[in-house]
Amino acid sequence: SDATRIMGESTSNRKYEYLRKTIFQMQERFVYLP
């Protein structure tokens, strides 16, 4: 529930599988080192 609040989302509108997919996508996000 805190994770969804941090992302600015409503817990009631975010099912577990959606959150799981979102978090796993975060591991695929990258940054080019300066």
PDB file of all heavy atoms in Angstrom:
ATOM      1  N   SER A   1       0.824  -1.205   0.000  1.00  0.00           N
ATOM      2  CA  SER A   1       0.000   0.000   0.000  1.00  0.00           C
ATOM      3  C   SER A   1       0.861   1.260   0.000  1.00  0.00           C
ATOM      4  O   SER A   1       0.535   2.249  -0.663  1.00  0.00           O
ATOM      5  CB  SER A   1      -0.943   0.001   1.207  1.00  0.00           C
ATOM      6  OG  SER A   1      -0.219  -0.068   2.423  1.00  0.00           O
ATOM      7  N   ASP A   2       1.987   1.234   0.740  1.00  0.00           N
ATOM      8  CA  ASP A   2       2.872   2.398   0.753  1.00  0.00           C
ATOM      9  C   ASP A   2       3.520   2.614  -0.614  1.00  0.00           C
ATOM     10  O   ASP A   2       3.708   3.756  -1.046  1.00  0.00           O
ATOM     11  CB  ASP A   2       3.955   2.235   1.818  1.00  0.00           C
ATOM     12  CG  ASP A   2       3.442   2.500   3.226  1.00  0.00           C
ATOM     13  OD1 ASP A   2       2.302   3.007   3.348  1.00  0.00           O
ATOM     14  OD2 ASP A   2       4.167   2.204   4.191  1.00  0.00           O
ATOM     15  N   ALA A   3       3.867   1.517  -1.291  1.00  0.00           N
ATOM     16  CA  ALA A   3       4.480   1.631  -2.618  1.00  0.00           C
ATOM     17  C   ALA A   3       3.540   2.344  -3.588  1.00  0.00           C
ATOM     18  O   ALA A   3       3.969   3.203  -4.362  1.00  0.00           O
ATOM     19  CB  ALA A   3       4.841   0.246  -3.150  1.00  0.00           C
ATOM     20  N   THR A   4       2.259   2.004  -3.535  1.00  0.00           N
ATOM     21  CA  THR A   4       1.309   2.648  -4.434  1.00  0.00           C
ATOM     22  C   THR A   4       1.118   4.121  -4.067  1.00  0.00           C
ATOM     23  O   THR A   4       0.974   4.973  -4.947  1.00  0.00           O
ATOM     24  CB  THR A   4      -0.054   1.928  -4.409  1.00  0.00           C
ATOM     25  OG1 THR A   4      -0.549   1.861  -3.060  1.00  0.00           O
ATOM     26  CG2 THR A   4       0.070   0.524  -4.956  1.00  0.00           C
ATOM     27  N   ARG A   5       1.144   4.445  -2.788  1.00  0.00           N
ATOM     28  CA  ARG A   5       1.040   5.846  -2.356  1.00  0.00           C
ATOM     29  C   ARG A   5       2.243   6.649  -2.830  1.00  0.00           C
ATOM     30  O   ARG A   5       2.106   7.783  -3.283  1.00  0.00           O
ATOM     31  CB  ARG A   5       0.923   5.934  -0.843  1.00  0.00           C
ATOM     32  CG  ARG A   5      -0.410   5.479  -0.271  1.00  0.00           C
ATOM     33  CD  ARG A   5      -0.404   5.619   1.240  1.00  0.00           C
ATOM     34  NE  ARG A   5      -0.244   7.013   1.653  1.00  0.00           N
ATOM     35  CZ  ARG A   5       0.092   7.396   2.882  1.00  0.00           C
ATOM     36  NH1 ARG A   5       0.349   6.484   3.811  1.00  0.00           N
ATOM     37  NH2 ARG A   5       0.194   8.665   3.179  1.00  0.00           N
ATOM     38  N   ILE A   6       3.428   6.062  -2.707  1.00  0.00           N
ATOM     39  CA  ILE A   6       4.650   6.740  -3.138  1.00  0.00           C
ATOM     40  C   ILE A   6       4.593   7.052  -4.629  1.00  0.00           C
ATOM     41  O   ILE A   6       5.025   8.120  -5.074  1.00  0.00           O
ATOM     42  CB  ILE A   6       5.879   5.866  -2.817  1.00  0.00           C
ATOM     43  CG1 ILE A   6       6.074   5.761  -1.303  1.00  0.00           C
ATOM     44  CG2 ILE A   6       7.141   6.429  -3.471  1.00  0.00           C
ATOM     45  CD1 ILE A   6       6.979   4.617  -0.881  1.00  0.00           C
ATOM     46  N   MET A   7       4.030   6.125  -5.399  1.00  0.00           N
ATOM     47  CA  MET A   7       3.923   6.329  -6.842  1.00  0.00           C
ATOM     48  C   MET A   7       2.770   7.258  -7.213  1.00  0.00           C
ATOM     49  O   MET A   7       2.564   7.546  -8.384  1.00  0.00           O
ATOM     50  CB  MET A   7       3.766   4.983  -7.548  1.00  0.00           C
ATOM     51  CG  MET A   7       5.009   4.115  -7.478  1.00  0.00           C
ATOM     52  SD  MET A   7       4.929   2.624  -8.507  1.00  0.00           S
ATOM     53  CE  MET A   7       3.607   1.715  -7.720  1.00  0.00           C
ATOM     54  N   GLY A   8       2.019   7.692  -6.198  1.00  0.00           N
ATOM     55  CA  GLY A   8       0.916   8.601  -6.461  1.00  0.00           C
ATOM     56  C   GLY A   8      -0.311   7.912  -6.987  1.00  0.00           C
ATOM     57  O   GLY A   8      -1.132   8.509  -7.690  1.00  0.00           O
ATOM     58  N   GLU A   9      -0.467   6.635  -6.650  1.00  0.00           N
ATOM     59  CA  GLU A   9      -1.596   5.848  -7.123  1.00  0.00           C
ATOM     60  C   GLU A   9      -2.500   5.458  -5.967  1.00  0.00           C
ATOM     61  O   GLU A   9      -2.104   5.469  -4.799  1.00  0.00           O
ATOM     62  CB  GLU A   9      -1.101   4.577  -7.834  1.00  0.00           C
ATOM     63  CG  GLU A   9      -0.160   4.822  -8.993  1.00  0.00           C
ATOM     64  CD  GLU A   9      -0.863   5.396 -10.205  1.00  0.00           C
ATOM     65  OE1 GLU A   9      -2.107   5.481 -10.172  1.00  0.00           O
ATOM     66  OE2 GLU A   9      -0.169   5.754 -11.174  1.00  0.00           O
ATOM     67  N   SER A  10      -3.727   5.069  -6.298  1.00  0.00           N
ATOM     68  CA  SER A  10      -4.680   4.597  -5.308  1.00  0.00           C
ATOM     69  C   SER A  10      -4.542   3.086  -5.151  1.00  0.00           C
ATOM     70  O   SER A  10      -4.534   2.352  -6.142  1.00  0.00           O
ATOM     71  CB  SER A  10      -6.115   4.933  -5.729  1.00  0.00           C
ATOM     72  OG  SER A  10      -7.053   4.284  -4.900  1.00  0.00           O
ATOM     73  N   THR A  11      -4.413   2.625  -3.922  1.00  0.00           N
ATOM     74  CA  THR A  11      -4.266   1.193  -3.673  1.00  0.00           C
ATOM     75  C   THR A  11      -5.436   0.396  -4.245  1.00  0.00           C
ATOM     76  O   THR A  11      -5.263  -0.679  -4.794  1.00  0.00           O
ATOM     77  CB  THR A  11      -4.162   0.916  -2.155  1.00  0.00           C
ATOM     78  OG1 THR A  11      -3.078   1.684  -1.628  1.00  0.00           O
ATOM     79  CG2 THR A  11      -3.909  -0.552  -1.888  1.00  0.00           C
ATOM     80  N   SER A  12      -6.619   0.931  -4.152  1.00  0.00           N
ATOM     81  CA  SER A  12      -7.808   0.206  -4.606  1.00  0.00           C
ATOM     82  C   SER A  12      -7.801  -0.018  -6.112  1.00  0.00           C
ATOM     83  O   SER A  12      -8.440  -0.937  -6.610  1.00  0.00           O
ATOM     84  CB  SER A  12      -9.068   0.977  -4.207  1.00  0.00           C
ATOM     85  OG  SER A  12      -9.077   2.264  -4.793  1.00  0.00           O
ATOM     86  N   ASN A  13      -7.073   0.812  -6.833  1.00  0.00           N
ATOM     87  CA  ASN A  13      -7.038   0.691  -8.284  1.00  0.00           C
ATOM     88  C   ASN A  13      -5.842  -0.100  -8.787  1.00  0.00           C
ATOM     89  O   ASN A  13      -5.669  -0.284  -9.981  1.00  0.00           O
ATOM     90  CB  ASN A  13      -7.013   2.091  -8.918  1.00  0.00           C
ATOM     91  CG  ASN A  13      -8.294   2.846  -8.662  1.00  0.00           C
ATOM     92  OD1 ASN A  13      -9.349   2.255  -8.528  1.00  0.00           O
ATOM     93  ND2 ASN A  13      -8.201   4.167  -8.578  1.00  0.00           N
ATOM     94  N   ARG A  14      -4.997  -0.543  -7.876  1.00  0.00           N
ATOM     95  CA  ARG A  14      -3.796  -1.249  -8.280  1.00  0.00           C
ATOM     96  C   ARG A  14      -3.783  -2.656  -7.672  1.00  0.00           C
ATOM     97  O   ARG A  14      -3.562  -2.832  -6.492  1.00  0.00           O
ATOM     98  CB  ARG A  14      -2.541  -0.481  -7.828  1.00  0.00           C
ATOM     99  CG  ARG A  14      -2.432   0.902  -8.468  1.00  0.00           C
ATOM    100  CD  ARG A  14      -2.319   0.779  -9.975  1.00  0.00           C
ATOM    101  NE  ARG A  14      -2.197   2.077 -10.617  1.00  0.00           N
ATOM    102  CZ  ARG A  14      -2.296   2.284 -11.910  1.00  0.00           C
ATOM    103  NH1 ARG A  14      -2.549   1.272 -12.716  1.00  0.00           N
ATOM    104  NH2 ARG A  14      -2.170   3.485 -12.413  1.00  0.00           N
ATOM    105  N   LYS A  15      -3.987  -3.649  -8.504  1.00  0.00           N
ATOM    106  CA  LYS A  15      -3.959  -5.025  -8.058  1.00  0.00           C
ATOM    107  C   LYS A  15      -2.517  -5.493  -7.898  1.00  0.00           C
ATOM    108  O   LYS A  15      -1.580  -4.896  -8.423  1.00  0.00           O
ATOM    109  CB  LYS A  15      -4.696  -5.922  -9.059  1.00  0.00           C
ATOM    110  CG  LYS A  15      -6.140  -5.512  -9.294  1.00  0.00           C
ATOM    111  CD  LYS A  15      -6.972  -5.614  -8.019  1.00  0.00           C
ATOM    112  CE  LYS A  15      -8.433  -5.289  -8.304  1.00  0.00           C
ATOM    113  NZ  LYS A  15      -9.247  -5.331  -7.075  1.00  0.00           N
ATOM    114  N   TYR A  16      -2.371  -6.583  -7.173  1.00  0.00           N
ATOM    115  CA  TYR A  16      -1.035  -7.099  -6.894  1.00  0.00           C
ATOM    116  C   TYR A  16      -0.250  -7.365  -8.174  1.00  0.00           C
ATOM    117  O   TYR A  16       0.922  -6.991  -8.279  1.00  0.00           O
ATOM    118  CB  TYR A  16      -1.143  -8.379  -6.062  1.00  0.00           C
ATOM    119  CG  TYR A  16       0.131  -9.180  -6.033  1.00  0.00           C
ATOM    120  CD1 TYR A  16       1.210  -8.781  -5.236  1.00  0.00           C
ATOM    121  CD2 TYR A  16       0.275 -10.318  -6.819  1.00  0.00           C
ATOM    122  CE1 TYR A  16       2.392  -9.501  -5.227  1.00  0.00           C
ATOM    123  CE2 TYR A  16       1.455 -11.036  -6.819  1.00  0.00           C
ATOM    124  CZ  TYR A  16       2.514 -10.630  -6.018  1.00  0.00           C
ATOM    125  OH  TYR A  16       3.671 -11.340  -6.026  1.00  0.00           O
ATOM    126  N   GLU A  17      -0.862  -8.011  -9.160  1.00  0.00           N
ATOM    127  CA  GLU A  17      -0.139  -8.365 -10.381  1.00  0.00           C
ATOM    128  C   GLU A  17       0.332  -7.129 -11.128  1.00  0.00           C
ATOM    129  O   GLU A  17       1.410  -7.140 -11.733  1.00  0.00           O
ATOM    130  CB  GLU A  17      -1.019  -9.228 -11.287  1.00  0.00           C
ATOM    131  CG  GLU A  17      -1.184 -10.655 -10.806  1.00  0.00           C
ATOM    132  CD  GLU A  17       0.150 -11.389 -10.692  1.00  0.00           C
ATOM    133  OE1 GLU A  17       1.058 -11.107 -11.506  1.00  0.00           O
ATOM    134  OE2 GLU A  17       0.287 -12.231  -9.792  1.00  0.00           O
ATOM    135  N   TYR A  18      -0.460  -6.056 -11.088  1.00  0.00           N
ATOM    136  CA  TYR A  18      -0.049  -4.823 -11.753  1.00  0.00           C
ATOM    137  C   TYR A  18       1.174  -4.233 -11.055  1.00  0.00           C
ATOM    138  O   TYR A  18       2.138  -3.814 -11.697  1.00  0.00           O
ATOM    139  CB  TYR A  18      -1.187  -3.802 -11.766  1.00  0.00           C
ATOM    140  CG  TYR A  18      -0.821  -2.516 -12.478  1.00  0.00           C
ATOM    141  CD1 TYR A  18      -1.061  -2.370 -13.840  1.00  0.00           C
ATOM    142  CD2 TYR A  18      -0.219  -1.459 -11.796  1.00  0.00           C
ATOM    143  CE1 TYR A  18      -0.713  -1.213 -14.504  1.00  0.00           C
ATOM    144  CE2 TYR A  18       0.138  -0.298 -12.454  1.00  0.00           C
ATOM    145  CZ  TYR A  18      -0.117  -0.178 -13.801  1.00  0.00           C
ATOM    146  OH  TYR A  18       0.247   0.974 -14.458  1.00  0.00           O
ATOM    147  N   LEU A  19       1.151  -4.210  -9.727  1.00  0.00           N
ATOM    148  CA  LEU A  19       2.283  -3.686  -8.972  1.00  0.00           C
ATOM    149  C   LEU A  19       3.522  -4.536  -9.218  1.00  0.00           C
ATOM    150  O   LEU A  19       4.632  -4.011  -9.397  1.00  0.00           O
ATOM    151  CB  LEU A  19       1.960  -3.640  -7.479  1.00  0.00           C
ATOM    152  CG  LEU A  19       3.092  -3.141  -6.570  1.00  0.00           C
ATOM    153  CD1 LEU A  19       3.433  -1.690  -6.892  1.00  0.00           C
ATOM    154  CD2 LEU A  19       2.703  -3.279  -5.103  1.00  0.00           C
ATOM    155  N   ARG A  20       3.333  -5.841  -9.220  1.00  0.00           N
ATOM    156  CA  ARG A  20       4.452  -6.760  -9.469  1.00  0.00           C
ATOM    157  C   ARG A  20       5.077  -6.471 -10.825  1.00  0.00           C
ATOM    158  O   ARG A  20       6.309  -6.403 -10.951  1.00  0.00           O
ATOM    159  CB  ARG A  20       3.943  -8.205  -9.410  1.00  0.00           C
ATOM    160  CG  ARG A  20       5.006  -9.276  -9.627  1.00  0.00           C
ATOM    161  CD  ARG A  20       4.382 -10.654  -9.409  1.00  0.00           C
ATOM    162  NE  ARG A  20       5.338 -11.723  -9.622  1.00  0.00           N
ATOM    163  CZ  ARG A  20       5.580 -12.284 -10.804  1.00  0.00           C
ATOM    164  NH1 ARG A  20       4.916 -11.856 -11.872  1.00  0.00           N
ATOM    165  NH2 ARG A  20       6.468 -13.246 -10.919  1.00  0.00           N
ATOM    166  N   LYS A  21       4.262  -6.277 -11.835  1.00  0.00           N
ATOM    167  CA  LYS A  21       4.766  -5.973 -13.173  1.00  0.00           C
ATOM    168  C   LYS A  21       5.507  -4.646 -13.180  1.00  0.00           C
ATOM    169  O   LYS A  21       6.583  -4.514 -13.782  1.00  0.00           O
ATOM    170  CB  LYS A  21       3.599  -5.938 -14.170  1.00  0.00           C
ATOM    171  CG  LYS A  21       4.020  -5.610 -15.594  1.00  0.00           C
ATOM    172  CD  LYS A  21       2.811  -5.578 -16.525  1.00  0.00           C
ATOM    173  CE  LYS A  21       3.225  -5.192 -17.931  1.00  0.00           C
ATOM    174  NZ  LYS A  21       2.047  -5.146 -18.844  1.00  0.00           N
ATOM    175  N   THR A  22       4.957  -3.656 -12.495  1.00  0.00           N
ATOM    176  CA  THR A  22       5.571  -2.332 -12.439  1.00  0.00           C
ATOM    177  C   THR A  22       6.942  -2.383 -11.772  1.00  0.00           C
ATOM    178  O   THR A  22       7.912  -1.804 -12.275  1.00  0.00           O
ATOM    179  CB  THR A  22       4.672  -1.345 -11.669  1.00  0.00           C
ATOM    180  OG1 THR A  22       3.417  -1.239 -12.348  1.00  0.00           O
ATOM    181  CG2 THR A  22       5.317   0.024 -11.577  1.00  0.00           C
ATOM    182  N   ILE A  23       7.042  -3.085 -10.643  1.00  0.00           N
ATOM    183  CA  ILE A  23       8.307  -3.182  -9.920  1.00  0.00           C
ATOM    184  C   ILE A  23       9.354  -3.914 -10.751  1.00  0.00           C
ATOM    185  O   ILE A  23      10.522  -3.519 -10.814  1.00  0.00           O
ATOM    186  CB  ILE A  23       8.118  -3.876  -8.556  1.00  0.00           C
ATOM    187  CG1 ILE A  23       7.196  -3.034  -7.655  1.00  0.00           C
ATOM    188  CG2 ILE A  23       9.452  -4.108  -7.877  1.00  0.00           C
ATOM    189  CD1 ILE A  23       7.699  -1.634  -7.379  1.00  0.00           C
ATOM    190  N   PHE A  24       8.955  -4.993 -11.416  1.00  0.00           N
ATOM    191  CA  PHE A  24       9.898  -5.734 -12.247  1.00  0.00           C
ATOM    192  C   PHE A  24      10.368  -4.880 -13.428  1.00  0.00           C
ATOM    193  O   PHE A  24      11.524  -4.991 -13.861  1.00  0.00           O
ATOM    194  CB  PHE A  24       9.278  -7.037 -12.734  1.00  0.00           C
ATOM    195  CG  PHE A  24       9.185  -8.088 -11.664  1.00  0.00           C
ATOM    196  CD1 PHE A  24       8.509  -9.276 -11.889  1.00  0.00           C
ATOM    197  CD2 PHE A  24       9.776  -7.901 -10.429  1.00  0.00           C
ATOM    198  CE1 PHE A  24       8.429 -10.254 -10.902  1.00  0.00           C
ATOM    199  CE2 PHE A  24       9.706  -8.854  -9.429  1.00  0.00           C
ATOM    200  CZ  PHE A  24       9.029 -10.034  -9.670  1.00  0.00           C
ATOM    201  N   GLN A  25       9.492  -4.049 -13.956  1.00  0.00           N
ATOM    202  CA  GLN A  25       9.894  -3.143 -15.033  1.00  0.00           C
ATOM    203  C   GLN A  25      10.950  -2.152 -14.557  1.00  0.00           C
ATOM    204  O   GLN A  25      11.831  -1.746 -15.323  1.00  0.00           O
ATOM    205  CB  GLN A  25       8.685  -2.386 -15.573  1.00  0.00           C
ATOM    206  CG  GLN A  25       7.778  -3.230 -16.456  1.00  0.00           C
ATOM    207  CD  GLN A  25       6.543  -2.469 -16.914  1.00  0.00           C
ATOM    208  OE1 GLN A  25       6.170  -1.450 -16.327  1.00  0.00           O
ATOM    209  NE2 GLN A  25       5.920  -2.943 -17.963  1.00  0.00           N
ATOM    210  N   MET A  26      10.863  -1.782 -13.266  1.00  0.00           N
ATOM    211  CA  MET A  26      11.840  -0.849 -12.715  1.00  0.00           C
ATOM    212  C   MET A  26      13.258  -1.425 -12.794  1.00  0.00           C
ATOM    213  O   MET A  26      14.231  -0.694 -12.966  1.00  0.00           O
ATOM    214  CB  MET A  26      11.501  -0.526 -11.265  1.00  0.00           C
ATOM    215  CG  MET A  26      10.281   0.345 -11.076  1.00  0.00           C
ATOM    216  SD  MET A  26      10.540   2.036 -11.643  1.00  0.00           S
ATOM    217  CE  MET A  26      11.701   2.638 -10.430  1.00  0.00           C
ATOM    218  N   GLN A  27      13.373  -2.749 -12.670  1.00  0.00           N
ATOM    219  CA  GLN A  27      14.688  -3.382 -12.732  1.00  0.00           C
ATOM    220  C   GLN A  27      15.258  -3.330 -14.142  1.00  0.00           C
ATOM    221  O   GLN A  27      16.460  -3.491 -14.336  1.00  0.00           O
ATOM    222  CB  GLN A  27      14.613  -4.827 -12.240  1.00  0.00           C
ATOM    223  CG  GLN A  27      15.966  -5.406 -11.843  1.00  0.00           C
ATOM    224  CD  GLN A  27      15.844  -6.727 -11.107  1.00  0.00           C
ATOM    225  OE1 GLN A  27      14.834  -7.411 -11.218  1.00  0.00           O
ATOM    226  NE2 GLN A  27      16.867  -7.095 -10.352  1.00  0.00           N
ATOM    227  N   GLU A  28      14.402  -3.082 -15.117  1.00  0.00           N
ATOM    228  CA  GLU A  28      14.848  -2.989 -16.508  1.00  0.00           C
ATOM    229  C   GLU A  28      15.174  -1.557 -16.918  1.00  0.00           C
ATOM    230  O   GLU A  28      15.681  -1.326 -18.015  1.00  0.00           O
ATOM    231  CB  GLU A  28      13.779  -3.566 -17.431  1.00  0.00           C
ATOM    232  CG  GLU A  28      13.473  -5.038 -17.162  1.00  0.00           C
ATOM    233  CD  GLU A  28      12.295  -5.536 -17.971  1.00  0.00           C
ATOM    234  OE1 GLU A  28      11.696  -4.719 -18.714  1.00  0.00           O
ATOM    235  OE2 GLU A  28      11.959  -6.723 -17.867  1.00  0.00           O
ATOM    236  N   ARG A  29      14.877  -0.597 -16.056  1.00  0.00           N
ATOM    237  CA  ARG A  29      15.187   0.795 -16.351  1.00  0.00           C
ATOM    238  C   ARG A  29      16.668   1.043 -16.075  1.00  0.00           C
ATOM    239  O   ARG A  29      17.225   0.513 -15.116  1.00  0.00           O
ATOM    240  CB  ARG A  29      14.342   1.741 -15.504  1.00  0.00           C
ATOM    241  CG  ARG A  29      12.839   1.556 -15.683  1.00  0.00           C
ATOM    242  CD  ARG A  29      12.415   1.872 -17.096  1.00  0.00           C
ATOM    243  NE  ARG A  29      10.970   1.933 -17.207  1.00  0.00           N
ATOM    244  CZ  ARG A  29      10.256   1.242 -18.086  1.00  0.00           C
ATOM    245  NH1 ARG A  29      10.855   0.424 -18.920  1.00  0.00           N
ATOM    246  NH2 ARG A  29       8.950   1.381 -18.134  1.00  0.00           N
ATOM    247  N   PHE A  30      17.294   1.853 -16.884  1.00  0.00           N
ATOM    248  CA  PHE A  30      18.731   2.055 -16.759  1.00  0.00           C
ATOM    249  C   PHE A  30      19.096   3.528 -16.920  1.00  0.00           C
ATOM    250  O   PHE A  30      18.288   4.353 -17.346  1.00  0.00           O
ATOM    251  CB  PHE A  30      19.481   1.214 -17.797  1.00  0.00           C
ATOM    252  CG  PHE A  30      19.042   1.486 -19.220  1.00  0.00           C
ATOM    253  CD1 PHE A  30      19.590   2.544 -19.931  1.00  0.00           C
ATOM    254  CD2 PHE A  30      18.077   0.699 -19.823  1.00  0.00           C
ATOM    255  CE1 PHE A  30      19.180   2.807 -21.235  1.00  0.00           C
ATOM    256  CE2 PHE A  30      17.653   0.951 -21.127  1.00  0.00           C
ATOM    257  CZ  PHE A  30      18.206   2.016 -21.827  1.00  0.00           C
ATOM    258  N   VAL A  31      20.345   3.836 -16.566  1.00  0.00           N
ATOM    259  CA  VAL A  31      20.884   5.180 -16.698  1.00  0.00           C
ATOM    260  C   VAL A  31      22.253   5.060 -17.362  1.00  0.00           C
ATOM    261  O   VAL A  31      23.013   4.128 -17.086  1.00  0.00           O
ATOM    262  CB  VAL A  31      20.993   5.880 -15.319  1.00  0.00           C
ATOM    263  CG1 VAL A  31      21.798   5.064 -14.328  1.00  0.00           C
ATOM    264  CG2 VAL A  31      21.575   7.286 -15.460  1.00  0.00           C
ATOM    265  N   TYR A  32      22.546   5.993 -18.271  1.00  0.00           N
ATOM    266  CA  TYR A  32      23.871   6.064 -18.856  1.00  0.00           C
ATOM    267  C   TYR A  32      24.771   6.846 -17.894  1.00  0.00           C
ATOM    268  O   TYR A  32      24.491   8.008 -17.591  1.00  0.00           O
ATOM    269  CB  TYR A  32      23.832   6.763 -20.212  1.00  0.00           C
ATOM    270  CG  TYR A  32      23.197   5.937 -21.311  1.00  0.00           C
ATOM    271  CD1 TYR A  32      21.850   6.079 -21.627  1.00  0.00           C
ATOM    272  CD2 TYR A  32      23.955   5.018 -22.037  1.00  0.00           C
ATOM    273  CE1 TYR A  32      21.274   5.322 -22.637  1.00  0.00           C
ATOM    274  CE2 TYR A  32      23.378   4.262 -23.050  1.00  0.00           C
ATOM    275  CZ  TYR A  32      22.042   4.417 -23.344  1.00  0.00           C
ATOM    276  OH  TYR A  32      21.465   3.668 -24.343  1.00  0.00           O
ATOM    277  N   LEU A  33      25.832   6.209 -17.409  1.00  0.00           N
ATOM    278  CA  LEU A  33      26.702   6.863 -16.441  1.00  0.00           C
ATOM    279  C   LEU A  33      27.340   8.105 -17.053  1.00  0.00           C
ATOM    280  O   LEU A  33      27.800   8.080 -18.201  1.00  0.00           O
ATOM    281  CB  LEU A  33      27.789   5.902 -15.959  1.00  0.00           C
ATOM    282  CG  LEU A  33      27.292   4.668 -15.195  1.00  0.00           C
ATOM    283  CD1 LEU A  33      28.492   3.861 -14.676  1.00  0.00           C
ATOM    284  CD2 LEU A  33      26.393   5.063 -14.030  1.00  0.00           C
ATOM    285  N   PRO A  34      27.378   9.189 -16.290  1.00  0.00           N
ATOM    286  CA  PRO A  34      27.907  10.460 -16.822  1.00  0.00           C
ATOM    287  C   PRO A  34      29.369  10.342 -17.251  1.00  0.00           C
ATOM    288  O   PRO A  34      30.210   9.839 -16.515  1.00  0.00           O
ATOM    289  CB  PRO A  34      27.772  11.420 -15.630  1.00  0.00           C
ATOM    290  CG  PRO A  34      26.725  10.816 -14.761  1.00  0.00           C
ATOM    291  CD  PRO A  34      26.884   9.335 -14.916  1.00  0.00           C
TER     292      PRO A  34
END
